[in-house]
Amino acid sequence: PSPAYREHALGIKAEWGAPARYLVTDIYPGSPGEKAGLFNGDELIYINNFRMDQNLNQWLEYFDGKVSIQYKRNGQLRETDIWPDGKTWYKHYTVRKISKPTATQKKNYFQWTAQKF
């Protein structure tokens, strides 16, 4: 799973940026984040009435269950409840070389990366 709790447990990608706020950048379809009604561009402000300051994951992990999120959309303050459903939403993928590639695999690797295997 993604190392970020908000991603793997709730299906929410949110980034801290200027001016000092969390903005939702992506919602996994069917995830708790989507079911809670969050959208890209929502500004996440409070979790269970605690103000976030570059610590969204820490608060979510601390409460580890149903939380109330206060957020802004189009300048209007809103609130929703959200909780993990036990599924893993965003996963972390890696690509690595295999130890005994075939000639076709070496060729594909070169075409993909422009580097020898």
C-alpha atoms as a PDB file:
ATOM      1  CA  PRO A   1       0.000   0.000   0.000  1.00  0.00           C
ATOM      2  CA  SER A   2       0.943   3.640  -0.315  1.00  0.00           C
ATOM      3  CA  PRO A   3       2.848   4.753   2.797  1.00  0.00           C
ATOM      4  CA  ALA A   4       0.447   7.693   3.259  1.00  0.00           C
ATOM      5  CA  TYR A   5      -2.550   6.764   5.467  1.00  0.00           C
ATOM      6  CA  ARG A   6      -4.834   9.227   3.675  1.00  0.00           C
ATOM      7  CA  GLU A   7      -4.078   7.450   0.390  1.00  0.00           C
ATOM      8  CA  HIS A   8      -4.174   3.750   1.294  1.00  0.00           C
ATOM      9  CA  ALA A   9      -6.949   3.858   3.923  1.00  0.00           C
ATOM     10  CA  LEU A  10      -9.206   6.664   2.647  1.00  0.00           C
ATOM     11  CA  GLY A  11      -8.415   6.996  -1.071  1.00  0.00           C
ATOM     12  CA  ILE A  12      -7.482  10.685  -0.796  1.00  0.00           C
ATOM     13  CA  LYS A  13      -4.440  12.321  -2.309  1.00  0.00           C
ATOM     14  CA  ALA A  14      -3.860  15.718  -0.728  1.00  0.00           C
ATOM     15  CA  GLU A  15      -0.781  17.904  -0.883  1.00  0.00           C
ATOM     16  CA  TRP A  16       0.487  20.607   1.450  1.00  0.00           C
ATOM     17  CA  GLY A  17       1.193  23.800  -0.442  1.00  0.00           C
ATOM     18  CA  ALA A  18       1.201  27.558  -0.358  1.00  0.00           C
ATOM     19  CA  PRO A  19      -0.467  29.333   1.261  1.00  0.00           C
ATOM     20  CA  ALA A  20      -0.089  26.767   4.089  1.00  0.00           C
ATOM     21  CA  ARG A  21      -2.970  24.419   3.315  1.00  0.00           C
ATOM     22  CA  TYR A  22      -3.890  20.895   2.243  1.00  0.00           C
ATOM     23  CA  LEU A  23      -5.598  20.642  -1.120  1.00  0.00           C
ATOM     24  CA  VAL A  24      -7.214  17.454  -2.367  1.00  0.00           C
ATOM     25  CA  THR A  25      -5.478  16.487  -5.629  1.00  0.00           C
ATOM     26  CA  ASP A  26      -7.161  13.160  -6.359  1.00  0.00           C
ATOM     27  CA  ILE A  27      -9.902  10.871  -5.040  1.00  0.00           C
ATOM     28  CA  TYR A  28      -9.905   7.140  -5.768  1.00  0.00           C
ATOM     29  CA  PRO A  29     -13.268   6.104  -7.286  1.00  0.00           C
ATOM     30  CA  GLY A  30     -15.424   4.189  -4.815  1.00  0.00           C
ATOM     31  CA  SER A  31     -13.157   5.025  -1.875  1.00  0.00           C
ATOM     32  CA  PRO A  32     -14.218   6.426   1.499  1.00  0.00           C
ATOM     33  CA  GLY A  33     -13.019   9.835   0.268  1.00  0.00           C
ATOM     34  CA  GLU A  34     -15.444   9.736  -2.652  1.00  0.00           C
ATOM     35  CA  LYS A  35     -18.275   8.393  -0.485  1.00  0.00           C
ATOM     36  CA  ALA A  36     -17.694  11.275   1.961  1.00  0.00           C
ATOM     37  CA  GLY A  37     -18.273  13.712  -0.895  1.00  0.00           C
ATOM     38  CA  LEU A  38     -14.772  15.157  -1.209  1.00  0.00           C
ATOM     39  CA  PHE A  39     -13.621  16.599  -4.549  1.00  0.00           C
ATOM     40  CA  ASN A  40     -10.362  17.671  -6.142  1.00  0.00           C
ATOM     41  CA  GLY A  41      -9.573  21.201  -5.020  1.00  0.00           C
ATOM     42  CA  ASP A  42     -11.232  20.929  -1.602  1.00  0.00           C
ATOM     43  CA  GLU A  43      -9.135  22.553   1.110  1.00  0.00           C
ATOM     44  CA  LEU A  44      -8.858  20.284   4.176  1.00  0.00           C
ATOM     45  CA  ILE A  45      -8.744  22.380   7.351  1.00  0.00           C
ATOM     46  CA  TYR A  46      -9.744  20.457  10.513  1.00  0.00           C
ATOM     47  CA  ILE A  47      -9.919  16.839  11.654  1.00  0.00           C
ATOM     48  CA  ASN A  48     -12.192  16.349  14.670  1.00  0.00           C
ATOM     49  CA  ASN A  49     -11.878  20.118  15.254  1.00  0.00           C
ATOM     50  CA  PHE A  50      -8.055  20.017  15.317  1.00  0.00           C
ATOM     51  CA  ARG A  51      -6.346  22.353  12.836  1.00  0.00           C
ATOM     52  CA  MET A  52      -3.972  20.634  10.418  1.00  0.00           C
ATOM     53  CA  ASP A  53      -0.469  21.977   9.849  1.00  0.00           C
ATOM     54  CA  GLN A  54       1.501  19.590   7.609  1.00  0.00           C
ATOM     55  CA  ASN A  55       0.294  16.726   9.819  1.00  0.00           C
ATOM     56  CA  LEU A  56      -2.750  15.274   8.069  1.00  0.00           C
ATOM     57  CA  ASN A  57      -1.464  11.686   8.189  1.00  0.00           C
ATOM     58  CA  GLN A  58      -0.516  11.940  11.866  1.00  0.00           C
ATOM     59  CA  TRP A  59      -4.034  13.083  12.832  1.00  0.00           C
ATOM     60  CA  LEU A  60      -5.682  10.405  10.698  1.00  0.00           C
ATOM     61  CA  GLU A  61      -3.451   7.693  12.167  1.00  0.00           C
ATOM     62  CA  TYR A  62      -4.025   9.047  15.690  1.00  0.00           C
ATOM     63  CA  PHE A  63      -7.816   8.791  15.405  1.00  0.00           C
ATOM     64  CA  ASP A  64      -7.633   5.628  13.186  1.00  0.00           C
ATOM     65  CA  GLY A  65     -11.323   5.336  12.486  1.00  0.00           C
ATOM     66  CA  LYS A  66     -14.286   7.602  11.894  1.00  0.00           C
ATOM     67  CA  VAL A  67     -13.297  11.259  11.782  1.00  0.00           C
ATOM     68  CA  SER A  68     -15.037  14.503  11.033  1.00  0.00           C
ATOM     69  CA  ILE A  69     -13.304  16.595   8.365  1.00  0.00           C
ATOM     70  CA  GLN A  70     -14.009  20.272   7.953  1.00  0.00           C
ATOM     71  CA  TYR A  71     -13.052  21.625   4.549  1.00  0.00           C
ATOM     72  CA  LYS A  72     -13.619  24.558   2.233  1.00  0.00           C
ATOM     73  CA  ARG A  73     -15.098  24.332  -1.232  1.00  0.00           C
ATOM     74  CA  ASN A  74     -15.610  27.514  -3.241  1.00  0.00           C
ATOM     75  CA  GLY A  75     -15.037  29.584  -0.096  1.00  0.00           C
ATOM     76  CA  GLN A  76     -17.790  27.774   1.809  1.00  0.00           C
ATOM     77  CA  LEU A  77     -16.980  25.799   4.980  1.00  0.00           C
ATOM     78  CA  ARG A  78     -18.358  22.234   4.919  1.00  0.00           C
ATOM     79  CA  GLU A  79     -18.126  19.155   7.081  1.00  0.00           C
ATOM     80  CA  THR A  80     -18.249  15.417   6.397  1.00  0.00           C
ATOM     81  CA  ASP A  81     -17.547  12.185   8.247  1.00  0.00           C
ATOM     82  CA  ILE A  82     -15.102   9.681   6.805  1.00  0.00           C
ATOM     83  CA  TRP A  83     -13.725   6.326   7.929  1.00  0.00           C
ATOM     84  CA  PRO A  84     -11.605   3.517   6.479  1.00  0.00           C
ATOM     85  CA  ASP A  85     -13.501   0.572   5.015  1.00  0.00           C
ATOM     86  CA  GLY A  86     -10.706  -1.993   5.315  1.00  0.00           C
ATOM     87  CA  LYS A  87      -9.726  -1.863   1.639  1.00  0.00           C
ATOM     88  CA  THR A  88      -6.430  -0.619   0.250  1.00  0.00           C
ATOM     89  CA  TRP A  89      -6.984   2.189  -2.241  1.00  0.00           C
ATOM     90  CA  TYR A  90      -3.763   3.676  -3.571  1.00  0.00           C
ATOM     91  CA  LYS A  91      -0.978   1.184  -3.907  1.00  0.00           C
ATOM     92  CA  HIS A  92       2.723   1.820  -4.254  1.00  0.00           C
ATOM     93  CA  TYR A  93       4.253   0.181  -7.318  1.00  0.00           C
ATOM     94  CA  THR A  94       7.887  -0.348  -8.244  1.00  0.00           C
ATOM     95  CA  VAL A  95       9.616  -1.622 -11.348  1.00  0.00           C
ATOM     96  CA  ARG A  96      12.757  -3.692 -11.069  1.00  0.00           C
ATOM     97  CA  LYS A  97      14.913  -5.732 -13.371  1.00  0.00           C
ATOM     98  CA  ILE A  98      14.605  -9.491 -13.361  1.00  0.00           C
ATOM     99  CA  SER A  99      17.750 -11.569 -12.931  1.00  0.00           C
ATOM    100  CA  LYS A 100      17.513 -13.670 -16.122  1.00  0.00           C
ATOM    101  CA  PRO A 101      15.775 -11.697 -18.881  1.00  0.00           C
ATOM    102  CA  THR A 102      14.966 -13.143 -22.284  1.00  0.00           C
ATOM    103  CA  ALA A 103      16.203 -11.461 -25.452  1.00  0.00           C
ATOM    104  CA  THR A 104      12.720 -10.011 -25.999  1.00  0.00           C
ATOM    105  CA  GLN A 105      12.656  -8.587 -22.477  1.00  0.00           C
ATOM    106  CA  LYS A 106      16.066  -6.975 -23.008  1.00  0.00           C
ATOM    107  CA  LYS A 107      14.860  -5.476 -26.295  1.00  0.00           C
ATOM    108  CA  ASN A 108      11.682  -4.127 -24.662  1.00  0.00           C
ATOM    109  CA  TYR A 109      13.688  -2.662 -21.801  1.00  0.00           C
ATOM    110  CA  PHE A 110      15.961  -0.865 -24.271  1.00  0.00           C
ATOM    111  CA  GLN A 111      12.968   0.476 -26.233  1.00  0.00           C
ATOM    112  CA  TRP A 112      11.338   1.695 -23.037  1.00  0.00           C
ATOM    113  CA  THR A 113      14.381   3.265 -21.364  1.00  0.00           C
ATOM    114  CA  ALA A 114      16.934   3.734 -24.171  1.00  0.00           C
ATOM    115  CA  GLN A 115      19.425   1.949 -21.899  1.00  0.00           C
ATOM    116  CA  LYS A 116      21.075  -1.461 -22.113  1.00  0.00           C
ATOM    117  CA  PHE A 117      19.756  -4.073 -19.701  1.00  0.00           C
END
